[in-house]
Amino acid sequence: MIEPKQIQADANEQMEAAVMYLEDALAHIRAGKASARILDPIRVDYYGSPSSLANVSTITTPDARTIQIQPWEKNMLSVIERALINSNIGLAPNNNGECIRLILPPLTEERRRELAKQCKQEAENAKVSVRNARRDAIELLKKQVKEGLPEDAEKDAEEEVQKLHDKFIKAIDENYAHKEKEIMTV
């Protein structure tokens, strides 16, 4: 028989993972100001092995609309530039022979709405994950009653799982609201 505390801990872990995934997904959505995080998924060929941009260069944001990439080795300039062109970030690299600059264009109202919609979808996916974790935990608790767990202990554990659910749904809503405000602010 599985202890109710263990079921709650597993549900908490799954719900926490959903919120962490949401935070990461929202960080990769461009909100009108430069952030090095939008370059995280880009990989470059560094002497035969795929490496992240941060592992082969220094990435800075000198102002709110510019990302500057300074490779540690000059011969990496063309490799990084090619990787940026082939990526789906939608920014054209400017190579001046020393570093690569990415200029973020100002967001149009339509693009802001699209990004807010994308954020809402990511938040909804995270909520679904949290609800699934709650459902799985409650089903497991109900199975434990058949194996001898007292019903009042099951009800108490079920209430705790519901509290966890509410806490994580609130965290998801807060993350989404913060990102939406960031996107819609001109």
C-alpha atoms as a PDB file:
ATOM      1  CA  MET A   1       0.000   0.000   0.000  1.00  0.00           C
ATOM      2  CA  ILE A   2       1.266   3.464  -0.934  1.00  0.00           C
ATOM      3  CA  GLU A   3       1.185   6.101   1.787  1.00  0.00           C
ATOM      4  CA  PRO A   4      -1.050   9.145   1.150  1.00  0.00           C
ATOM      5  CA  LYS A   5       1.909  11.448   1.903  1.00  0.00           C
ATOM      6  CA  GLN A   6       3.880   9.798  -0.919  1.00  0.00           C
ATOM      7  CA  ILE A   7       0.967  10.254  -3.335  1.00  0.00           C
ATOM      8  CA  GLN A   8       0.762  13.938  -2.339  1.00  0.00           C
ATOM      9  CA  ALA A   9       4.523  14.361  -2.781  1.00  0.00           C
ATOM     10  CA  ASP A  10       4.389  12.795  -6.257  1.00  0.00           C
ATOM     11  CA  ALA A  11       1.476  15.053  -7.249  1.00  0.00           C
ATOM     12  CA  ASN A  12       3.353  18.082  -5.899  1.00  0.00           C
ATOM     13  CA  GLU A  13       6.406  17.130  -7.956  1.00  0.00           C
ATOM     14  CA  GLN A  14       4.364  16.761 -11.153  1.00  0.00           C
ATOM     15  CA  MET A  15       2.547  20.058 -10.594  1.00  0.00           C
ATOM     16  CA  GLU A  16       5.829  21.832  -9.834  1.00  0.00           C
ATOM     17  CA  ALA A  17       7.295  20.460 -13.072  1.00  0.00           C
ATOM     18  CA  ALA A  18       4.337  21.869 -15.019  1.00  0.00           C
ATOM     19  CA  VAL A  19       4.890  25.346 -13.545  1.00  0.00           C
ATOM     20  CA  MET A  20       8.636  25.173 -14.225  1.00  0.00           C
ATOM     21  CA  TYR A  21       7.939  24.153 -17.827  1.00  0.00           C
ATOM     22  CA  LEU A  22       5.561  27.105 -18.189  1.00  0.00           C
ATOM     23  CA  GLU A  23       8.142  29.533 -16.801  1.00  0.00           C
ATOM     24  CA  ASP A  24      10.699  28.227 -19.279  1.00  0.00           C
ATOM     25  CA  ALA A  25       8.257  28.356 -22.200  1.00  0.00           C
ATOM     26  CA  LEU A  26       7.214  31.922 -21.353  1.00  0.00           C
ATOM     27  CA  ALA A  27      10.845  33.010 -21.070  1.00  0.00           C
ATOM     28  CA  HIS A  28      11.413  31.962 -24.674  1.00  0.00           C
ATOM     29  CA  ILE A  29       8.539  34.095 -25.974  1.00  0.00           C
ATOM     30  CA  ARG A  30       9.813  37.491 -27.071  1.00  0.00           C
ATOM     31  CA  ALA A  31       8.104  40.308 -25.217  1.00  0.00           C
ATOM     32  CA  GLY A  32       9.433  43.291 -27.135  1.00  0.00           C
ATOM     33  CA  LYS A  33      12.636  43.699 -25.198  1.00  0.00           C
ATOM     34  CA  ALA A  34      15.912  41.896 -25.768  1.00  0.00           C
ATOM     35  CA  SER A  35      16.555  38.747 -23.773  1.00  0.00           C
ATOM     36  CA  ALA A  36      19.361  36.260 -24.253  1.00  0.00           C
ATOM     37  CA  ARG A  37      16.922  33.460 -23.339  1.00  0.00           C
ATOM     38  CA  ILE A  38      15.341  33.534 -26.813  1.00  0.00           C
ATOM     39  CA  LEU A  39      18.659  32.148 -28.124  1.00  0.00           C
ATOM     40  CA  ASP A  40      18.700  29.148 -25.747  1.00  0.00           C
ATOM     41  CA  PRO A  41      17.358  26.589 -28.252  1.00  0.00           C
ATOM     42  CA  ILE A  42      19.953  27.487 -30.914  1.00  0.00           C
ATOM     43  CA  ARG A  43      22.813  25.006 -31.329  1.00  0.00           C
ATOM     44  CA  VAL A  44      26.031  25.578 -33.275  1.00  0.00           C
ATOM     45  CA  ASP A  45      28.568  23.082 -34.556  1.00  0.00           C
ATOM     46  CA  TYR A  46      31.646  23.530 -32.358  1.00  0.00           C
ATOM     47  CA  TYR A  47      34.415  21.259 -33.640  1.00  0.00           C
ATOM     48  CA  GLY A  48      32.004  18.490 -34.511  1.00  0.00           C
ATOM     49  CA  SER A  49      29.675  18.609 -31.516  1.00  0.00           C
ATOM     50  CA  PRO A  50      26.479  20.652 -31.177  1.00  0.00           C
ATOM     51  CA  SER A  51      26.856  23.306 -28.472  1.00  0.00           C
ATOM     52  CA  SER A  52      24.600  26.051 -27.191  1.00  0.00           C
ATOM     53  CA  LEU A  53      25.426  29.625 -28.167  1.00  0.00           C
ATOM     54  CA  ALA A  54      26.199  30.463 -24.543  1.00  0.00           C
ATOM     55  CA  ASN A  55      28.953  27.807 -24.547  1.00  0.00           C
ATOM     56  CA  VAL A  56      30.848  29.347 -27.479  1.00  0.00           C
ATOM     57  CA  SER A  57      30.231  33.074 -27.006  1.00  0.00           C
ATOM     58  CA  THR A  58      29.318  35.881 -24.679  1.00  0.00           C
ATOM     59  CA  ILE A  59      25.715  37.021 -25.106  1.00  0.00           C
ATOM     60  CA  THR A  60      24.815  40.506 -23.883  1.00  0.00           C
ATOM     61  CA  THR A  61      21.919  42.935 -24.239  1.00  0.00           C
ATOM     62  CA  PRO A  62      23.488  46.399 -24.559  1.00  0.00           C
ATOM     63  CA  ASP A  63      20.052  48.022 -24.824  1.00  0.00           C
ATOM     64  CA  ALA A  64      16.386  47.034 -24.736  1.00  0.00           C
ATOM     65  CA  ARG A  65      16.213  46.112 -28.434  1.00  0.00           C
ATOM     66  CA  THR A  66      19.662  44.646 -29.182  1.00  0.00           C
ATOM     67  CA  ILE A  67      21.277  41.286 -28.473  1.00  0.00           C
ATOM     68  CA  GLN A  68      25.027  41.139 -29.028  1.00  0.00           C
ATOM     69  CA  ILE A  69      26.875  37.855 -29.528  1.00  0.00           C
ATOM     70  CA  GLN A  70      30.659  37.977 -29.098  1.00  0.00           C
ATOM     71  CA  PRO A  71      32.210  34.605 -30.092  1.00  0.00           C
ATOM     72  CA  TRP A  72      35.230  33.463 -28.125  1.00  0.00           C
ATOM     73  CA  GLU A  73      36.907  32.470 -31.402  1.00  0.00           C
ATOM     74  CA  LYS A  74      36.679  34.600 -34.570  1.00  0.00           C
ATOM     75  CA  ASN A  75      36.259  31.547 -36.803  1.00  0.00           C
ATOM     76  CA  MET A  76      32.936  30.863 -35.047  1.00  0.00           C
ATOM     77  CA  LEU A  77      31.339  34.068 -36.431  1.00  0.00           C
ATOM     78  CA  SER A  78      30.160  32.472 -39.676  1.00  0.00           C
ATOM     79  CA  VAL A  79      29.013  29.283 -37.917  1.00  0.00           C
ATOM     80  CA  ILE A  80      26.960  31.283 -35.408  1.00  0.00           C
ATOM     81  CA  GLU A  81      25.559  33.512 -38.142  1.00  0.00           C
ATOM     82  CA  ARG A  82      24.483  30.460 -40.163  1.00  0.00           C
ATOM     83  CA  ALA A  83      22.836  28.910 -37.092  1.00  0.00           C
ATOM     84  CA  LEU A  84      20.914  32.140 -36.416  1.00  0.00           C
ATOM     85  CA  ILE A  85      19.727  32.357 -40.030  1.00  0.00           C
ATOM     86  CA  ASN A  86      18.582  28.718 -39.994  1.00  0.00           C
ATOM     87  CA  SER A  87      16.784  29.066 -36.654  1.00  0.00           C
ATOM     88  CA  ASN A  88      13.155  30.116 -36.389  1.00  0.00           C
ATOM     89  CA  ILE A  89      13.677  33.170 -34.154  1.00  0.00           C
ATOM     90  CA  GLY A  90      12.815  35.537 -37.000  1.00  0.00           C
ATOM     91  CA  LEU A  91      15.744  37.926 -36.514  1.00  0.00           C
ATOM     92  CA  ALA A  92      18.387  38.764 -39.116  1.00  0.00           C
ATOM     93  CA  PRO A  93      21.953  38.759 -37.767  1.00  0.00           C
ATOM     94  CA  ASN A  94      24.255  41.734 -38.461  1.00  0.00           C
ATOM     95  CA  ASN A  95      27.876  40.557 -38.605  1.00  0.00           C
ATOM     96  CA  ASN A  96      30.490  43.322 -38.342  1.00  0.00           C
ATOM     97  CA  GLY A  97      33.526  41.018 -38.293  1.00  0.00           C
ATOM     98  CA  GLU A  98      33.925  41.269 -34.507  1.00  0.00           C
ATOM     99  CA  CYS A  99      30.486  40.369 -33.161  1.00  0.00           C
ATOM    100  CA  ILE A 100      26.957  39.622 -34.276  1.00  0.00           C
ATOM    101  CA  ARG A 101      24.089  41.933 -33.410  1.00  0.00           C
ATOM    102  CA  LEU A 102      20.419  41.045 -33.470  1.00  0.00           C
ATOM    103  CA  ILE A 103      18.095  44.041 -33.590  1.00  0.00           C
ATOM    104  CA  LEU A 104      14.601  43.315 -32.318  1.00  0.00           C
ATOM    105  CA  PRO A 105      11.973  45.265 -34.231  1.00  0.00           C
ATOM    106  CA  PRO A 106       9.227  46.906 -32.187  1.00  0.00           C
ATOM    107  CA  LEU A 107       6.175  44.695 -31.862  1.00  0.00           C
ATOM    108  CA  THR A 108       3.004  45.626 -33.702  1.00  0.00           C
ATOM    109  CA  GLU A 109      -0.322  45.471 -31.882  1.00  0.00           C
ATOM    110  CA  GLU A 110      -1.296  42.408 -33.931  1.00  0.00           C
ATOM    111  CA  ARG A 111       1.967  40.612 -33.081  1.00  0.00           C
ATOM    112  CA  ARG A 112       1.489  41.454 -29.397  1.00  0.00           C
ATOM    113  CA  ARG A 113      -1.956  39.834 -29.485  1.00  0.00           C
ATOM    114  CA  GLU A 114      -0.510  36.729 -31.182  1.00  0.00           C
ATOM    115  CA  LEU A 115       2.202  36.448 -28.530  1.00  0.00           C
ATOM    116  CA  ALA A 116      -0.360  36.905 -25.735  1.00  0.00           C
ATOM    117  CA  LYS A 117      -2.460  34.159 -27.327  1.00  0.00           C
ATOM    118  CA  GLN A 118       0.611  31.898 -27.478  1.00  0.00           C
ATOM    119  CA  CYS A 119       1.288  32.597 -23.783  1.00  0.00           C
ATOM    120  CA  LYS A 120      -2.333  31.780 -22.929  1.00  0.00           C
ATOM    121  CA  GLN A 121      -2.000  28.455 -24.771  1.00  0.00           C
ATOM    122  CA  GLU A 122       1.184  27.598 -22.851  1.00  0.00           C
ATOM    123  CA  ALA A 123      -0.560  28.500 -19.570  1.00  0.00           C
ATOM    124  CA  GLU A 124      -3.532  26.334 -20.507  1.00  0.00           C
ATOM    125  CA  ASN A 125      -1.220  23.390 -21.273  1.00  0.00           C
ATOM    126  CA  ALA A 126       0.385  23.803 -17.843  1.00  0.00           C
ATOM    127  CA  LYS A 127      -3.052  23.896 -16.187  1.00  0.00           C
ATOM    128  CA  VAL A 128      -4.003  20.677 -17.966  1.00  0.00           C
ATOM    129  CA  SER A 129      -0.837  19.034 -16.616  1.00  0.00           C
ATOM    130  CA  VAL A 130      -1.654  20.181 -13.086  1.00  0.00           C
ATOM    131  CA  ARG A 131      -5.227  18.902 -13.388  1.00  0.00           C
ATOM    132  CA  ASN A 132      -3.971  15.565 -14.713  1.00  0.00           C
ATOM    133  CA  ALA A 133      -1.608  15.237 -11.748  1.00  0.00           C
ATOM    134  CA  ARG A 134      -4.517  15.950  -9.379  1.00  0.00           C
ATOM    135  CA  ARG A 135      -6.741  13.408 -11.137  1.00  0.00           C
ATOM    136  CA  ASP A 136      -4.029  10.722 -11.043  1.00  0.00           C
ATOM    137  CA  ALA A 137      -3.381  11.334  -7.346  1.00  0.00           C
ATOM    138  CA  ILE A 138      -7.080  11.149  -6.464  1.00  0.00           C
ATOM    139  CA  GLU A 139      -7.528   7.936  -8.476  1.00  0.00           C
ATOM    140  CA  LEU A 140      -4.545   6.407  -6.689  1.00  0.00           C
ATOM    141  CA  LEU A 141      -5.975   7.436  -3.314  1.00  0.00           C
ATOM    142  CA  LYS A 142      -9.297   5.797  -4.189  1.00  0.00           C
ATOM    143  CA  LYS A 143      -7.442   2.588  -5.104  1.00  0.00           C
ATOM    144  CA  GLN A 144      -5.680   2.716  -1.724  1.00  0.00           C
ATOM    145  CA  VAL A 145      -9.075   2.729   0.048  1.00  0.00           C
ATOM    146  CA  LYS A 146      -9.783  -0.650  -1.582  1.00  0.00           C
ATOM    147  CA  GLU A 147      -6.442  -1.864  -0.217  1.00  0.00           C
ATOM    148  CA  GLY A 148      -7.259  -0.861   3.341  1.00  0.00           C
ATOM    149  CA  LEU A 149      -6.664   2.889   3.665  1.00  0.00           C
ATOM    150  CA  PRO A 150      -9.279   4.453   5.952  1.00  0.00           C
ATOM    151  CA  GLU A 151     -11.780   6.616   4.078  1.00  0.00           C
ATOM    152  CA  ASP A 152     -11.240   9.644   6.310  1.00  0.00           C
ATOM    153  CA  ALA A 153      -7.480   9.496   5.615  1.00  0.00           C
ATOM    154  CA  GLU A 154      -8.273   9.311   1.888  1.00  0.00           C
ATOM    155  CA  LYS A 155     -10.586  12.344   2.138  1.00  0.00           C
ATOM    156  CA  ASP A 156      -7.952  14.328   4.056  1.00  0.00           C
ATOM    157  CA  ALA A 157      -5.297  13.445   1.475  1.00  0.00           C
ATOM    158  CA  GLU A 158      -7.710  14.350  -1.317  1.00  0.00           C
ATOM    159  CA  GLU A 159      -8.234  17.779   0.259  1.00  0.00           C
ATOM    160  CA  GLU A 160      -4.464  18.285   0.450  1.00  0.00           C
ATOM    161  CA  VAL A 161      -4.096  17.382  -3.227  1.00  0.00           C
ATOM    162  CA  GLN A 162      -6.850  19.889  -4.049  1.00  0.00           C
ATOM    163  CA  LYS A 163      -4.986  22.583  -2.073  1.00  0.00           C
ATOM    164  CA  LEU A 164      -1.820  21.786  -4.023  1.00  0.00           C
ATOM    165  CA  HIS A 165      -3.818  22.036  -7.259  1.00  0.00           C
ATOM    166  CA  ASP A 166      -5.225  25.432  -6.291  1.00  0.00           C
ATOM    167  CA  LYS A 167      -1.769  26.725  -5.303  1.00  0.00           C
ATOM    168  CA  PHE A 168      -0.188  25.727  -8.616  1.00  0.00           C
ATOM    169  CA  ILE A 169      -3.102  26.963 -10.738  1.00  0.00           C
ATOM    170  CA  LYS A 170      -2.746  30.327  -8.993  1.00  0.00           C
ATOM    171  CA  ALA A 171       1.007  30.328  -9.756  1.00  0.00           C
ATOM    172  CA  ILE A 172       0.274  29.579 -13.424  1.00  0.00           C
ATOM    173  CA  ASP A 173      -2.264  32.420 -13.591  1.00  0.00           C
ATOM    174  CA  GLU A 174       0.222  34.820 -12.005  1.00  0.00           C
ATOM    175  CA  ASN A 175       3.001  33.832 -14.439  1.00  0.00           C
ATOM    176  CA  TYR A 176       0.657  34.249 -17.387  1.00  0.00           C
ATOM    177  CA  ALA A 177      -0.656  37.619 -16.184  1.00  0.00           C
ATOM    178  CA  HIS A 178       2.887  38.908 -15.672  1.00  0.00           C
ATOM    179  CA  LYS A 179       4.005  37.803 -19.141  1.00  0.00           C
ATOM    180  CA  GLU A 180       0.844  39.165 -20.786  1.00  0.00           C
ATOM    181  CA  LYS A 181       1.392  42.535 -19.114  1.00  0.00           C
ATOM    182  CA  GLU A 182       5.026  42.484 -20.263  1.00  0.00           C
ATOM    183  CA  ILE A 183       3.982  41.748 -23.863  1.00  0.00           C
ATOM    184  CA  MET A 184       1.158  44.274 -24.042  1.00  0.00           C
ATOM    185  CA  THR A 185       3.214  47.117 -22.529  1.00  0.00           C
ATOM    186  CA  VAL A 186       4.444  49.329 -25.364  1.00  0.00           C
END
